[in-house]
């Protein structure tokens, strides 16, 4: 029983990490149809923001609280800069976007090596995240509980923005029909930039959260980016509820398979399962009509 509980909670925490990364991709890839391979480097920027913040504030306990909004702003501004200078000229050209953003990602990785050095940097967790909480006899680390709660807050925030605000209605109108949205006075350029800011900012938040699980380095984002794209595709392009189900499914599946085989074999088996699923249901768990599919 203890082993089952441990695997379930480990799977939930892995799924929460994937969800935190994939929710930003749901906006930029799912809603806007942009394959942004530099999304992983926005995660890296958030992680280094946490490192710099902790270096300045030390072990005051406030470093994480300060780093989370700062990581959001840093990731968001990088996303807006990328969208304004490059991606705005490449909408409806997914292959070009993929190749260019992959190159931008490599440049950002090298820039990080030049500034912070190649060795990984340790970011100490605040003291209030030390220890564990006993749940059904299993000592669950508080850091992983914090990441789960942070994922829930981010998903709820995105859902509220998209479904309960004027900005969300403008985003959905632009995604559904850009020409019609412009005809009723919606500035689609501003919507593009705002959507990219939010999606990229969430990548920065994910980067800050990842520093709670290990050291940070120039390739920290590229470690997760492929899995995050798979989560978005399996969930259904632009579908938040699908992204949630896919992230939790991949996390739990990987945790169970790791207990039966090994870490690398579990990743292979999960990838095979995803490929098989997409052969049966290529549109993902849920479907939505987006600009990219129009």
Protein backbone atom coordinates (compact mmCIF):
# COMPACT_ATOMS: atom_id res chain seq x y z
CA UNK A 1 0.00 0.00 0.00
CA UNK A 2 2.82 2.40 0.90
CA UNK A 3 4.51 1.70 -2.45
CA UNK A 4 1.29 2.46 -4.36
CA UNK A 5 0.75 5.72 -2.49
CA UNK A 6 4.37 6.72 -3.12
CA UNK A 7 4.07 6.01 -6.85
CA UNK A 8 0.78 7.91 -7.12
CA UNK A 9 2.17 11.01 -5.41
CA UNK A 10 5.42 10.83 -7.38
CA UNK A 11 3.38 10.59 -10.57
CA UNK A 12 1.21 13.54 -9.54
CA UNK A 13 4.27 15.70 -8.85
CA UNK A 14 5.84 14.72 -12.20
CA UNK A 15 2.57 15.52 -13.92
CA UNK A 16 2.40 18.87 -12.11
CA UNK A 17 5.86 19.81 -13.44
CA UNK A 18 4.84 18.87 -16.99
CA UNK A 19 1.56 20.74 -16.60
CA UNK A 20 3.34 23.87 -15.39
CA UNK A 21 5.53 23.82 -18.52
CA UNK A 22 2.80 22.75 -20.94
CA UNK A 23 0.21 25.32 -19.86
CA UNK A 24 2.30 28.10 -21.43
CA UNK A 25 2.67 26.06 -24.60
CA UNK A 26 -1.10 25.60 -24.66
CA UNK A 27 -1.36 29.34 -25.28
CA UNK A 28 1.52 29.90 -27.73
CA UNK A 29 1.28 26.58 -29.58
CA UNK A 30 -2.31 25.57 -28.95
CA UNK A 31 -4.06 28.93 -29.19
CA UNK A 32 -1.73 30.73 -31.63
CA UNK A 33 -0.39 27.79 -33.63
CA UNK A 34 3.25 28.82 -33.13
CA UNK A 35 5.82 26.04 -32.68
CA UNK A 36 8.18 27.87 -30.36
CA UNK A 37 11.21 25.67 -29.67
CA UNK A 38 12.71 28.53 -27.63
CA UNK A 39 10.01 27.94 -24.98
CA UNK A 40 12.54 25.75 -23.15
CA UNK A 41 14.97 28.65 -22.98
CA UNK A 42 12.27 30.84 -21.40
CA UNK A 43 12.12 28.14 -18.73
CA UNK A 44 15.89 28.46 -18.40
CA UNK A 45 15.55 32.25 -18.05
CA UNK A 46 13.09 31.74 -15.19
CA UNK A 47 15.47 29.32 -13.49
CA UNK A 48 18.38 31.78 -13.73
CA UNK A 49 16.07 34.52 -12.44
CA UNK A 50 15.58 32.39 -9.32
CA UNK A 51 19.36 31.93 -9.08
CA UNK A 52 20.05 35.67 -9.31
CA UNK A 53 17.24 36.51 -6.88
CA UNK A 54 18.53 34.01 -4.34
CA UNK A 55 22.09 35.32 -4.76
CA UNK A 56 20.89 38.85 -3.95
CA UNK A 57 18.39 38.08 -1.18
CA UNK A 58 20.27 35.09 0.29
CA UNK A 59 18.38 32.71 2.53
CA UNK A 60 15.81 35.25 3.70
CA UNK A 61 12.92 32.99 2.75
CA UNK A 62 11.51 35.67 0.43
CA UNK A 63 13.66 34.75 -2.56
CA UNK A 64 11.12 32.31 -4.01
CA UNK A 65 8.23 34.71 -3.43
CA UNK A 66 10.13 37.44 -5.31
CA UNK A 67 11.50 35.10 -8.00
CA UNK A 68 8.09 33.77 -9.12
CA UNK A 69 6.66 37.11 -10.39
CA UNK A 70 10.10 38.17 -11.63
CA UNK A 71 10.43 34.91 -13.57
CA UNK A 72 7.00 35.53 -15.09
CA UNK A 73 8.00 39.03 -16.22
CA UNK A 74 11.43 37.95 -17.57
CA UNK A 75 9.96 35.02 -19.51
CA UNK A 76 7.08 37.17 -20.75
CA UNK A 77 9.32 39.99 -21.97
CA UNK A 78 11.58 37.51 -23.80
CA UNK A 79 8.49 36.07 -25.46
CA UNK A 80 7.20 39.48 -26.52
CA UNK A 81 10.64 40.39 -27.89
CA UNK A 82 10.75 37.14 -29.89
CA UNK A 83 7.21 37.62 -31.18
CA UNK A 84 7.74 41.27 -32.15
CA UNK A 85 11.08 40.78 -33.92
CA UNK A 86 10.72 37.37 -35.58
CA UNK A 87 7.54 35.37 -35.10
CA UNK A 88 5.16 38.12 -36.22
CA UNK A 89 6.57 37.71 -39.72
CA UNK A 90 6.19 33.92 -39.67
CA UNK A 91 2.59 33.20 -38.73
CA UNK A 92 1.20 30.38 -40.90
CA UNK A 93 4.78 29.18 -41.59
CA UNK A 94 5.18 26.50 -38.89
CA UNK A 95 8.32 24.85 -40.31
CA UNK A 96 10.16 28.17 -40.57
CA UNK A 97 9.06 29.07 -37.06
CA UNK A 98 10.27 25.75 -35.70
CA UNK A 99 13.72 26.10 -37.27
CA UNK A 100 14.21 29.76 -36.35
CA UNK A 101 13.10 29.37 -32.73
CA UNK A 102 15.33 26.30 -32.40
CA UNK A 103 18.26 28.48 -33.47
CA UNK A 104 17.18 31.25 -31.10
CA UNK A 105 17.11 28.69 -28.32
CA UNK A 106 20.71 27.66 -29.03
CA UNK A 107 21.76 31.32 -28.98
CA UNK A 108 20.05 31.85 -25.63
CA UNK A 109 21.76 28.74 -24.21
CA UNK A 110 25.16 30.05 -25.27
CA UNK A 111 24.32 33.48 -23.86
CA UNK A 112 23.53 31.82 -20.52
CA UNK A 113 26.88 29.97 -20.59
CA UNK A 114 28.69 33.25 -21.27
CA UNK A 115 26.95 35.04 -18.39
CA UNK A 116 26.65 32.33 -15.72
CA UNK A 117 29.21 29.75 -16.87
CA UNK A 118 28.66 26.19 -18.08
CA UNK A 119 28.53 24.41 -14.66
CA UNK A 120 25.09 23.92 -13.13
CA UNK A 121 24.06 26.34 -10.39
CA UNK A 122 22.44 25.29 -7.14
CA UNK A 123 19.48 27.36 -5.98
CA UNK A 124 18.78 26.71 -2.27
CA UNK A 125 15.13 26.25 -1.38
CA UNK A 126 13.62 28.53 1.28
CA UNK A 127 13.61 27.06 4.75
CA UNK A 128 9.81 26.98 4.89
CA UNK A 129 9.81 24.36 2.11
CA UNK A 130 12.07 21.96 4.01
CA UNK A 131 10.71 18.68 5.32
CA UNK A 132 7.77 16.55 4.33
CA UNK A 133 4.08 16.08 5.06
CA UNK A 134 2.72 12.68 6.03
CA UNK A 135 -0.07 11.68 3.61
CA UNK A 136 -1.51 8.17 3.96
CA UNK A 137 1.70 7.05 5.59
CA UNK A 138 3.98 8.50 2.92
CA UNK A 139 6.27 11.44 3.65
CA UNK A 140 5.55 13.74 0.71
CA UNK A 141 8.21 16.49 0.20
CA UNK A 142 6.81 19.98 0.75
CA UNK A 143 8.67 21.26 -2.32
CA UNK A 144 6.71 18.91 -4.58
CA UNK A 145 3.46 19.80 -2.83
CA UNK A 146 4.28 23.45 -3.49
CA UNK A 147 4.80 22.73 -7.21
CA UNK A 148 1.45 20.92 -7.38
CA UNK A 149 -0.31 23.88 -5.74
CA UNK A 150 1.55 26.31 -8.03
CA UNK A 151 0.41 24.32 -11.09
CA UNK A 152 -3.21 24.42 -9.90
CA UNK A 153 -3.00 28.19 -9.33
CA UNK A 154 -1.48 28.79 -12.80
CA UNK A 155 -4.07 26.62 -14.55
CA UNK A 156 -6.90 28.31 -12.66
CA UNK A 157 -5.47 31.72 -13.52
CA UNK A 158 -5.23 30.91 -17.24
CA UNK A 159 -8.76 29.47 -17.23
CA UNK A 160 -10.16 32.57 -15.48
CA UNK A 161 -8.37 34.91 -17.90
CA UNK A 162 -9.62 33.03 -20.97
CA UNK A 163 -13.18 32.43 -19.76
CA UNK A 164 -14.04 35.28 -17.40
CA UNK A 165 -12.28 38.42 -18.68
CA UNK A 166 -12.60 40.74 -21.66
CA UNK A 167 -9.01 39.91 -22.61
CA UNK A 168 -9.87 36.21 -22.72
CA UNK A 169 -12.86 36.87 -24.96
CA UNK A 170 -10.65 38.89 -27.32
CA UNK A 171 -8.06 36.09 -27.40
CA UNK A 172 -10.70 33.48 -28.17
CA UNK A 173 -12.26 35.70 -30.83
CA UNK A 174 -8.87 36.23 -32.48
CA UNK A 175 -8.13 32.50 -32.44
CA UNK A 176 -11.56 31.64 -33.87
CA UNK A 177 -11.55 34.20 -36.68
CA UNK A 178 -8.85 36.88 -36.94
CA UNK A 179 -10.50 38.86 -39.76
CA UNK A 180 -13.86 38.99 -38.01
CA UNK A 181 -12.17 40.00 -34.74
CA UNK A 182 -10.42 42.91 -36.49
CA UNK A 183 -13.68 43.98 -38.11
CA UNK A 184 -15.25 44.52 -34.68
CA UNK A 185 -12.33 46.65 -33.47
CA UNK A 186 -10.10 44.09 -31.72
CA UNK A 187 -6.38 44.86 -32.08
CA UNK A 188 -5.13 41.41 -33.06
CA UNK A 189 -1.50 42.56 -32.94
CA UNK A 190 -1.92 43.51 -29.29
CA UNK A 191 -3.70 40.22 -28.62
CA UNK A 192 -0.83 38.30 -30.22
CA UNK A 193 1.73 40.07 -28.03
CA UNK A 194 -0.35 39.69 -24.87
CA UNK A 195 -0.93 35.98 -25.48
CA UNK A 196 2.76 35.44 -26.10
CA UNK A 197 3.62 37.40 -22.96
CA UNK A 198 1.35 35.23 -20.79
CA UNK A 199 2.47 31.94 -22.36
CA UNK A 200 6.16 32.77 -22.15
CA UNK A 201 5.75 34.19 -18.66
CA UNK A 202 4.31 30.88 -17.49
CA UNK A 203 7.45 29.21 -18.85
CA UNK A 204 9.47 31.54 -16.61
CA UNK A 205 7.35 30.50 -13.61
CA UNK A 206 7.98 26.85 -14.50
CA UNK A 207 11.72 27.56 -14.57
CA UNK A 208 11.60 29.04 -11.07
CA UNK A 209 9.69 25.97 -9.85
CA UNK A 210 12.20 23.57 -11.41
CA UNK A 211 14.99 25.04 -9.27
CA UNK A 212 13.20 23.45 -6.29
CA UNK A 213 13.86 20.00 -7.76
CA UNK A 214 17.53 20.32 -8.73
CA UNK A 215 20.30 22.46 -10.08
CA UNK A 216 19.85 24.77 -13.03
CA UNK A 217 21.91 25.03 -16.20
CA UNK A 218 21.71 26.27 -19.80
CA UNK A 219 19.90 23.11 -20.99
CA UNK A 220 17.37 22.79 -18.18
CA UNK A 221 14.50 23.82 -20.45
CA UNK A 222 15.40 21.57 -23.39
CA UNK A 223 15.19 18.58 -21.02
CA UNK A 224 11.44 19.04 -20.70
CA UNK A 225 10.37 20.75 -23.93
CA UNK A 226 9.68 17.62 -26.02
CA UNK A 227 7.56 16.03 -23.29
CA UNK A 228 5.67 19.30 -22.85
CA UNK A 229 4.86 19.45 -26.58
CA UNK A 230 3.65 15.84 -26.43
CA UNK A 231 1.39 16.70 -23.49
CA UNK A 232 -0.18 19.58 -25.45
CA UNK A 233 -0.68 17.41 -28.55
CA UNK A 234 -2.14 14.47 -26.63
CA UNK A 235 -4.46 16.77 -24.66
CA UNK A 236 -5.75 18.39 -27.86
CA UNK A 237 -4.45 21.57 -29.42
CA UNK A 238 -5.44 24.58 -27.29
CA UNK A 239 -7.42 22.53 -24.76
CA UNK A 240 -6.58 23.32 -21.13
CA UNK A 241 -8.60 20.42 -19.72
CA UNK A 242 -6.93 18.08 -22.19
CA UNK A 243 -3.51 19.39 -21.18
CA UNK A 244 -4.32 18.69 -17.52
CA UNK A 245 -5.42 15.11 -18.23
CA UNK A 246 -2.46 14.44 -20.51
CA UNK A 247 0.09 15.84 -18.05
CA UNK A 248 -1.29 13.78 -15.18
CA UNK A 249 -1.54 10.68 -17.40
CA UNK A 250 2.05 10.99 -18.57
CA UNK A 251 3.28 11.69 -15.03
CA UNK A 252 1.45 8.76 -13.46
CA UNK A 253 2.33 6.42 -16.32
CA UNK A 254 5.98 7.32 -16.14
CA UNK A 255 6.05 6.89 -12.35
CA UNK A 256 4.44 3.44 -12.47
CA UNK A 257 6.66 2.26 -15.33
CA UNK A 258 9.78 3.52 -13.54
CA UNK A 259 8.90 1.36 -10.55
CA UNK A 260 8.59 -1.68 -12.84
CA UNK A 261 11.53 -1.03 -15.18
CA UNK A 262 13.99 1.90 -15.18
CA UNK A 263 13.83 5.65 -15.75
CA UNK A 264 15.01 5.56 -19.38
CA UNK A 265 12.86 2.53 -20.26
CA UNK A 266 9.83 4.23 -18.70
CA UNK A 267 10.32 7.26 -20.96
CA UNK A 268 10.56 4.99 -24.01
CA UNK A 269 7.40 3.09 -23.07
CA UNK A 270 5.49 6.33 -22.42
CA UNK A 271 6.60 7.66 -25.82
CA UNK A 272 5.46 4.44 -27.50
CA UNK A 273 2.10 4.69 -25.73
CA UNK A 274 1.71 8.32 -26.89
CA UNK A 275 2.53 7.42 -30.50
CA UNK A 276 0.02 4.55 -30.38
CA UNK A 277 -2.63 6.85 -28.89
CA UNK A 278 -2.08 9.48 -31.59
CA UNK A 279 -2.42 6.80 -34.26
CA UNK A 280 -5.87 6.03 -32.90
CA UNK A 281 -6.89 9.60 -32.04
CA UNK A 282 -4.62 12.09 -33.88
CA UNK A 283 -6.70 15.09 -32.76
CA UNK A 284 -5.89 14.38 -29.11
CA UNK A 285 -8.20 13.85 -26.15
CA UNK A 286 -10.23 16.97 -26.93
CA UNK A 287 -10.49 19.00 -30.12
CA UNK A 288 -10.73 22.69 -30.83
CA UNK A 289 -10.81 24.78 -33.98
CA UNK A 290 -7.74 27.04 -33.97
CA UNK A 291 -6.23 29.52 -36.36
CA UNK A 292 -3.59 26.97 -37.33
CA UNK A 293 -6.19 24.44 -38.34
CA UNK A 294 -8.42 26.86 -40.17
